[in-house]
Amino acid sequence: MKHKSLLTLLLLMLWSGLTHAQKAVDTYKDPAAAADTIQIKGLIIIKSKNDKGRNSYKFYSDTAYARNKLKKNLQTRFFVFDIGFNNYIDRSDYTGAAYVNYFSGVNQYTQLAAANKAAYSYSAVGLATMAPRSASEPLTPSEFKLITGKSINFNIWLLEQRLNITKHKLNLLYAVGLEMNNYRYARNITYEPGYPTTIIRDSIEFSKNKLFAEYISIPVMLNFNSNPARPARAFQASFGVQGGYLLKGRTKQVSDERGKVRKTDDFNLNKWRFGLASELGYGPVKLYANFALTALHDYGLQQYPFSIGLRLNGF
């Protein structure tokens, strides 16, 4: 009886050992070929080896992480970046005839009062005040032509928040940050600081000639999100308004004759800026577009800037 019990015990131990050995064989993998998993918030990155022994990466979105975030009605992101290009729509009054006939039919005193008022408007008189040219060399729109590929727009949104309105599909999106606009001129014009600011046709050939304007801005937009639980597969569209205040104006010119010259002034730039703001994206890829409803300058040149580019780290 004792021998039967001992034999049974030995058989059970042998069976248990074989079972554990088989499990070890089944679960064992070469460490070099094992996949590494990294998770950064809602992004899962899996690193593995392909058939040729090279590293391969696969990216997945963590749906559980996204659903957990939906429990919060207010979501916040810091340091959202924009990189894009600037240009403007020019509606300035370049008609010389309008300037010549502006004061026709008025007496001397009325003419003087009208001249003082018109000198700081968007009329032909205001444009002549800001960018005076002789009758033999009239001002033309081509003098303010931009090099679009070098007129860079760079924005830093220090804080961006999204507030749920309806099922996280309709949201209120707003931010606060810095807009930095570079306007790279193709022609040899020079801003002369002071009041009034004047823009002259320079005799120097510049290798770099740009105007820089920096604003503190606040956009407020309505945001539509087609798939809140799956951000990587969601279509998003936002549209609203944006207001800003001028912090800094600066010009930079580079030439062989003068070297590198920087001037800091407001250069007759509008202190306040108001316009339209928009955003369009699918998954992590987002594009932005802004259009100003106020002119770039306070008088004279009636140019309405716009910018288009790529948004990084946004919702």
Protein backbone atom coordinates (compact mmCIF):
# COMPACT_ATOMS: atom_id res chain seq x y z
CA MET A 1 0.00 0.00 0.00
CA LYS A 2 2.81 2.28 0.87
CA HIS A 3 4.53 1.47 -2.42
CA LYS A 4 1.35 2.29 -4.38
CA SER A 5 1.02 5.62 -2.56
CA LEU A 6 4.66 6.47 -3.19
CA LEU A 7 4.32 5.53 -6.85
CA THR A 8 1.23 7.68 -7.22
CA LEU A 9 3.05 10.63 -5.60
CA LEU A 10 6.03 10.22 -7.95
CA LEU A 11 3.73 10.08 -10.98
CA LEU A 12 1.97 13.27 -9.88
CA MET A 13 5.29 15.07 -9.38
CA LEU A 14 6.52 13.90 -12.79
CA TRP A 15 3.31 15.07 -14.49
CA SER A 16 3.50 18.44 -12.75
CA GLY A 17 7.12 18.90 -13.79
CA LEU A 18 6.37 18.03 -17.42
CA THR A 19 3.46 20.50 -17.43
CA HIS A 20 5.62 23.35 -16.14
CA ALA A 21 8.37 22.50 -18.61
CA GLN A 22 5.90 22.59 -21.51
CA LYS A 23 4.59 25.98 -20.36
CA ALA A 24 8.12 27.31 -20.15
CA VAL A 25 8.81 26.13 -23.70
CA ASP A 26 5.56 27.66 -24.98
CA THR A 27 6.13 31.04 -23.36
CA TYR A 28 9.85 31.34 -23.99
CA LYS A 29 10.92 33.87 -26.66
CA ASP A 30 14.29 35.03 -27.81
CA PRO A 31 14.91 38.32 -25.95
CA ALA A 32 16.38 39.82 -29.12
CA ALA A 33 13.18 39.05 -31.02
CA ALA A 34 10.76 40.02 -28.25
CA ALA A 35 8.60 43.10 -28.89
CA ASP A 36 9.08 46.21 -26.74
CA THR A 37 5.99 48.23 -25.90
CA ILE A 38 6.11 51.93 -25.04
CA GLN A 39 3.07 53.99 -24.10
CA ILE A 40 3.05 57.80 -24.19
CA LYS A 41 -0.33 58.89 -22.87
CA GLY A 42 -2.80 57.65 -25.49
CA LEU A 43 -0.15 56.50 -27.99
CA ILE A 44 1.13 52.89 -27.94
CA ILE A 45 4.38 52.16 -29.80
CA ILE A 46 5.39 48.53 -30.40
CA LYS A 47 8.97 47.83 -31.47
CA SER A 48 9.80 44.42 -32.96
CA LYS A 49 12.05 42.69 -35.49
CA ASN A 50 11.02 41.99 -39.07
CA ASP A 51 12.05 38.99 -41.19
CA LYS A 52 15.37 40.63 -42.05
CA GLY A 53 16.20 41.33 -38.42
CA ARG A 54 15.63 45.07 -38.70
CA ASN A 55 13.66 47.15 -36.21
CA SER A 56 10.05 47.85 -37.11
CA TYR A 57 7.56 50.09 -35.32
CA LYS A 58 3.77 50.01 -35.11
CA PHE A 59 1.63 52.76 -33.66
CA TYR A 60 -1.76 52.31 -31.98
CA SER A 61 -4.11 54.58 -30.09
CA ASP A 62 -5.24 53.51 -26.64
CA THR A 63 -9.03 53.69 -26.80
CA ALA A 64 -9.37 53.06 -23.05
CA TYR A 65 -7.11 56.05 -22.37
CA ALA A 66 -9.19 58.24 -24.69
CA ARG A 67 -12.47 57.12 -23.12
CA ASN A 68 -11.10 57.83 -19.66
CA LYS A 69 -10.26 61.38 -20.75
CA LEU A 70 -13.85 61.86 -21.87
CA LYS A 71 -14.87 61.78 -18.23
CA LYS A 72 -13.44 65.31 -18.00
CA ASN A 73 -15.45 68.12 -19.55
CA LEU A 74 -12.46 70.48 -19.60
CA GLN A 75 -9.20 69.33 -21.19
CA THR A 76 -5.96 71.31 -21.25
CA ARG A 77 -2.83 71.26 -23.36
CA PHE A 78 0.33 73.31 -23.02
CA PHE A 79 2.74 74.54 -25.70
CA VAL A 80 0.90 74.00 -28.96
CA PHE A 81 3.00 75.14 -31.94
CA ASP A 82 2.14 76.49 -35.39
CA ILE A 83 4.52 76.75 -38.33
CA GLY A 84 3.33 78.20 -41.62
CA PHE A 85 3.51 81.04 -44.14
CA ASN A 86 2.29 84.64 -44.26
CA ASN A 87 0.88 86.76 -47.03
CA TYR A 88 -1.74 89.49 -47.35
CA ILE A 89 -4.52 90.81 -49.54
CA ASP A 90 -3.64 94.36 -50.62
CA ARG A 91 -6.57 96.78 -50.97
CA SER A 92 -4.52 99.98 -50.79
CA ASP A 93 -5.54 102.95 -52.93
CA TYR A 94 -2.70 103.29 -55.46
CA THR A 95 -4.68 105.51 -57.84
CA GLY A 96 -2.76 108.73 -58.43
CA ALA A 97 -5.84 110.39 -59.92
CA ALA A 98 -7.73 109.95 -56.66
CA TYR A 99 -4.96 111.84 -54.86
CA VAL A 100 -4.87 114.67 -57.41
CA ASN A 101 -8.65 115.13 -57.39
CA TYR A 102 -9.13 114.56 -53.67
CA PHE A 103 -9.45 118.27 -52.81
CA SER A 104 -11.09 119.54 -55.98
CA GLY A 105 -13.97 121.95 -55.40
CA VAL A 106 -13.22 122.82 -51.72
CA ASN A 107 -11.98 126.07 -50.19
CA GLN A 108 -8.60 126.57 -48.49
CA TYR A 109 -9.73 126.02 -44.88
CA THR A 110 -11.83 122.98 -45.71
CA GLN A 111 -8.94 121.67 -47.77
CA LEU A 112 -6.54 121.99 -44.81
CA ALA A 113 -8.90 120.17 -42.40
CA ALA A 114 -9.58 117.46 -44.97
CA ALA A 115 -5.85 117.07 -45.64
CA ASN A 116 -5.06 116.56 -41.94
CA LYS A 117 -7.80 113.94 -41.66
CA ALA A 118 -6.99 112.19 -44.92
CA ALA A 119 -3.26 112.01 -44.15
CA TYR A 120 -3.99 109.31 -41.55
CA SER A 121 -6.62 107.30 -43.42
CA TYR A 122 -6.56 104.50 -45.99
CA SER A 123 -7.16 106.97 -48.82
CA ALA A 124 -4.67 107.79 -51.57
CA VAL A 125 -3.61 110.80 -49.45
CA GLY A 126 -2.89 108.56 -46.46
CA LEU A 127 -0.88 106.21 -48.65
CA ALA A 128 1.11 109.17 -50.00
CA THR A 129 1.80 110.25 -46.40
CA MET A 130 3.15 106.84 -45.47
CA ALA A 131 4.97 106.00 -48.72
CA PRO A 132 5.68 109.27 -50.57
CA ARG A 133 6.81 108.92 -54.19
CA SER A 134 7.47 111.52 -56.87
CA ALA A 135 5.03 111.95 -59.74
CA SER A 136 7.61 110.53 -62.14
CA GLU A 137 8.03 107.39 -60.01
CA PRO A 138 4.55 106.59 -58.62
CA LEU A 139 3.94 103.99 -55.95
CA THR A 140 2.90 100.54 -57.19
CA PRO A 141 1.62 97.38 -55.44
CA SER A 142 4.66 95.43 -56.63
CA GLU A 143 6.87 97.37 -54.19
CA PHE A 144 5.29 95.43 -51.30
CA LYS A 145 5.51 92.01 -52.91
CA LEU A 146 6.45 89.25 -50.46
CA ILE A 147 8.69 86.21 -50.82
CA THR A 148 6.02 83.77 -49.61
CA GLY A 149 8.36 80.86 -48.93
CA LYS A 150 10.41 83.04 -46.57
CA SER A 151 7.54 84.94 -44.93
CA ILE A 152 7.28 82.59 -41.95
CA ASN A 153 4.50 82.49 -39.38
CA PHE A 154 5.40 80.86 -36.04
CA ASN A 155 2.97 80.72 -33.12
CA ILE A 156 3.32 79.39 -29.58
CA TRP A 157 0.04 78.75 -27.77
CA LEU A 158 1.08 78.60 -24.13
CA LEU A 159 -2.30 77.24 -23.04
CA GLU A 160 -5.07 75.58 -25.06
CA GLN A 161 -8.33 74.31 -23.54
CA ARG A 162 -11.31 72.41 -24.94
CA LEU A 163 -14.65 72.62 -23.13
CA ASN A 164 -17.30 69.99 -23.81
CA ILE A 165 -20.67 71.33 -24.97
CA THR A 166 -22.45 68.26 -26.39
CA LYS A 167 -21.15 64.66 -26.01
CA HIS A 168 -17.58 65.85 -26.64
CA LYS A 169 -18.47 66.16 -30.32
CA LEU A 170 -19.25 69.87 -30.09
CA ASN A 171 -16.75 71.82 -28.00
CA LEU A 172 -15.55 75.31 -27.23
CA LEU A 173 -11.86 75.63 -28.09
CA TYR A 174 -9.78 78.59 -26.91
CA ALA A 175 -6.13 79.43 -26.29
CA VAL A 176 -3.70 82.20 -25.36
CA GLY A 177 -0.26 82.64 -26.85
CA LEU A 178 2.17 84.52 -29.08
CA GLU A 179 1.83 85.08 -32.82
CA MET A 180 5.12 85.86 -34.60
CA ASN A 181 4.84 87.05 -38.20
CA ASN A 182 7.69 87.63 -40.64
CA TYR A 183 7.02 89.53 -43.87
CA ARG A 184 9.97 89.06 -46.21
CA TYR A 185 9.99 91.71 -48.95
CA ALA A 186 11.14 90.99 -52.48
CA ARG A 187 11.80 94.69 -53.24
CA ASN A 188 14.27 97.17 -51.73
CA ILE A 189 11.97 99.22 -49.49
CA THR A 190 12.92 100.65 -46.10
CA TYR A 191 10.75 101.54 -43.11
CA GLU A 192 11.87 104.82 -41.55
CA PRO A 193 10.71 104.82 -37.89
CA GLY A 194 9.00 107.81 -36.30
CA TYR A 195 5.62 109.48 -36.53
CA PRO A 196 4.54 109.40 -39.19
CA THR A 197 6.39 106.28 -40.29
CA THR A 198 7.49 106.50 -43.90
CA ILE A 199 8.42 103.78 -46.37
CA ILE A 200 11.02 104.82 -48.92
CA ARG A 201 12.26 103.22 -52.13
CA ASP A 202 15.87 102.43 -51.19
CA SER A 203 18.92 102.47 -53.45
CA ILE A 204 20.53 99.53 -51.66
CA GLU A 205 20.20 95.92 -52.84
CA PHE A 206 19.21 93.85 -49.78
CA SER A 207 19.90 90.13 -49.47
CA LYS A 208 17.37 90.08 -46.60
CA ASN A 209 14.63 92.62 -45.98
CA LYS A 210 11.83 91.79 -43.56
CA LEU A 211 9.25 93.24 -41.20
CA PHE A 212 8.54 91.35 -37.97
CA ALA A 213 5.32 91.78 -35.94
CA GLU A 214 4.60 89.96 -32.68
CA TYR A 215 1.18 89.80 -30.99
CA ILE A 216 -0.32 88.30 -27.87
CA SER A 217 -3.47 86.61 -29.16
CA ILE A 218 -6.58 84.79 -27.98
CA PRO A 219 -8.54 82.61 -30.44
CA VAL A 220 -12.03 81.36 -29.54
CA MET A 221 -13.55 78.68 -31.79
CA LEU A 222 -16.37 76.14 -31.98
CA ASN A 223 -14.87 72.69 -32.45
CA PHE A 224 -16.48 69.62 -34.04
CA ASN A 225 -14.96 66.18 -33.31
CA SER A 226 -16.40 63.23 -35.25
CA ASN A 227 -14.97 60.47 -33.01
CA PRO A 228 -13.99 61.59 -29.48
CA ALA A 229 -13.21 58.03 -28.30
CA ARG A 230 -10.75 57.42 -31.17
CA PRO A 231 -8.67 60.59 -31.65
CA ALA A 232 -6.39 58.89 -34.20
CA ARG A 233 -9.40 58.30 -36.49
CA ALA A 234 -11.31 61.49 -35.76
CA PHE A 235 -12.09 64.29 -38.19
CA GLN A 236 -11.96 67.72 -36.54
CA ALA A 237 -13.00 71.16 -37.73
CA SER A 238 -12.89 74.43 -35.79
CA PHE A 239 -13.99 77.92 -36.73
CA GLY A 240 -14.17 81.17 -34.78
CA VAL A 241 -12.58 84.55 -34.12
CA GLN A 242 -9.22 85.74 -32.87
CA GLY A 243 -8.07 88.97 -31.22
CA GLY A 244 -4.55 90.19 -30.56
CA TYR A 245 -2.46 93.10 -29.30
CA LEU A 246 0.86 94.21 -30.79
CA LEU A 247 3.85 93.55 -28.53
CA LYS A 248 6.77 94.29 -30.84
CA GLY A 249 7.60 95.57 -34.31
CA ARG A 250 11.03 95.21 -35.88
CA THR A 251 12.74 95.39 -39.26
CA LYS A 252 15.89 93.55 -40.30
CA GLN A 253 17.94 94.31 -43.39
CA VAL A 254 21.14 92.70 -44.65
CA SER A 255 23.27 94.22 -47.42
CA ASP A 256 26.92 94.47 -48.47
CA GLU A 257 26.91 98.25 -48.08
CA ARG A 258 25.33 98.53 -44.61
CA GLY A 259 25.79 95.07 -43.18
CA LYS A 260 23.10 93.89 -40.76
CA VAL A 261 20.70 96.63 -39.63
CA ARG A 262 17.86 96.18 -37.10
CA LYS A 263 15.29 98.83 -36.20
CA THR A 264 12.63 98.53 -33.49
CA ASP A 265 9.45 100.60 -33.69
CA ASP A 266 5.70 100.14 -34.10
CA PHE A 267 6.13 101.18 -37.80
CA ASN A 268 2.53 102.37 -38.00
CA LEU A 269 1.32 98.81 -37.29
CA ASN A 270 -2.18 98.45 -35.91
CA LYS A 271 -2.03 98.00 -32.14
CA TRP A 272 -5.12 95.81 -32.15
CA ARG A 273 -5.74 92.89 -34.45
CA PHE A 274 -9.03 91.10 -35.05
CA GLY A 275 -9.84 88.32 -37.48
CA LEU A 276 -11.07 84.83 -38.25
CA ALA A 277 -9.42 81.62 -37.02
CA SER A 278 -9.91 78.06 -38.26
CA GLU A 279 -8.49 74.55 -37.92
CA LEU A 280 -9.00 71.37 -39.94
CA GLY A 281 -7.55 67.94 -39.23
CA TYR A 282 -7.74 64.19 -39.28
CA GLY A 283 -6.10 62.26 -36.47
CA PRO A 284 -2.79 63.85 -35.46
CA VAL A 285 -2.49 65.91 -38.68
CA LYS A 286 -3.93 69.42 -38.30
CA LEU A 287 -3.87 72.49 -40.52
CA TYR A 288 -4.68 76.03 -39.42
CA ALA A 289 -5.64 79.21 -41.27
CA ASN A 290 -6.06 82.74 -39.90
CA PHE A 291 -7.34 85.80 -41.74
CA ALA A 292 -7.19 89.35 -40.32
CA LEU A 293 -10.22 91.62 -40.67
CA THR A 294 -8.18 94.62 -39.55
CA ALA A 295 -5.44 96.03 -41.77
CA LEU A 296 -1.79 95.40 -40.91
CA HIS A 297 -1.05 99.15 -40.72
CA ASP A 298 -2.97 101.88 -38.92
CA TYR A 299 -3.30 104.05 -42.04
CA GLY A 300 -1.93 104.33 -45.57
CA LEU A 301 -1.35 100.71 -46.60
CA GLN A 302 -4.57 98.71 -46.45
CA GLN A 303 -3.18 95.16 -46.34
CA TYR A 304 -5.08 92.29 -44.70
CA PRO A 305 -2.70 89.50 -43.58
CA PHE A 306 -3.46 85.79 -43.55
CA SER A 307 -1.44 82.73 -42.53
CA ILE A 308 -1.69 79.01 -43.37
CA GLY A 309 0.31 76.15 -41.90
CA LEU A 310 0.67 73.05 -39.75
CA ARG A 311 -0.42 72.79 -36.10
CA LEU A 312 1.59 70.57 -33.73
CA ASN A 313 0.51 69.08 -30.39
CA GLY A 314 -3.05 70.42 -30.66
CA PHE A 315 -6.21 68.53 -29.68
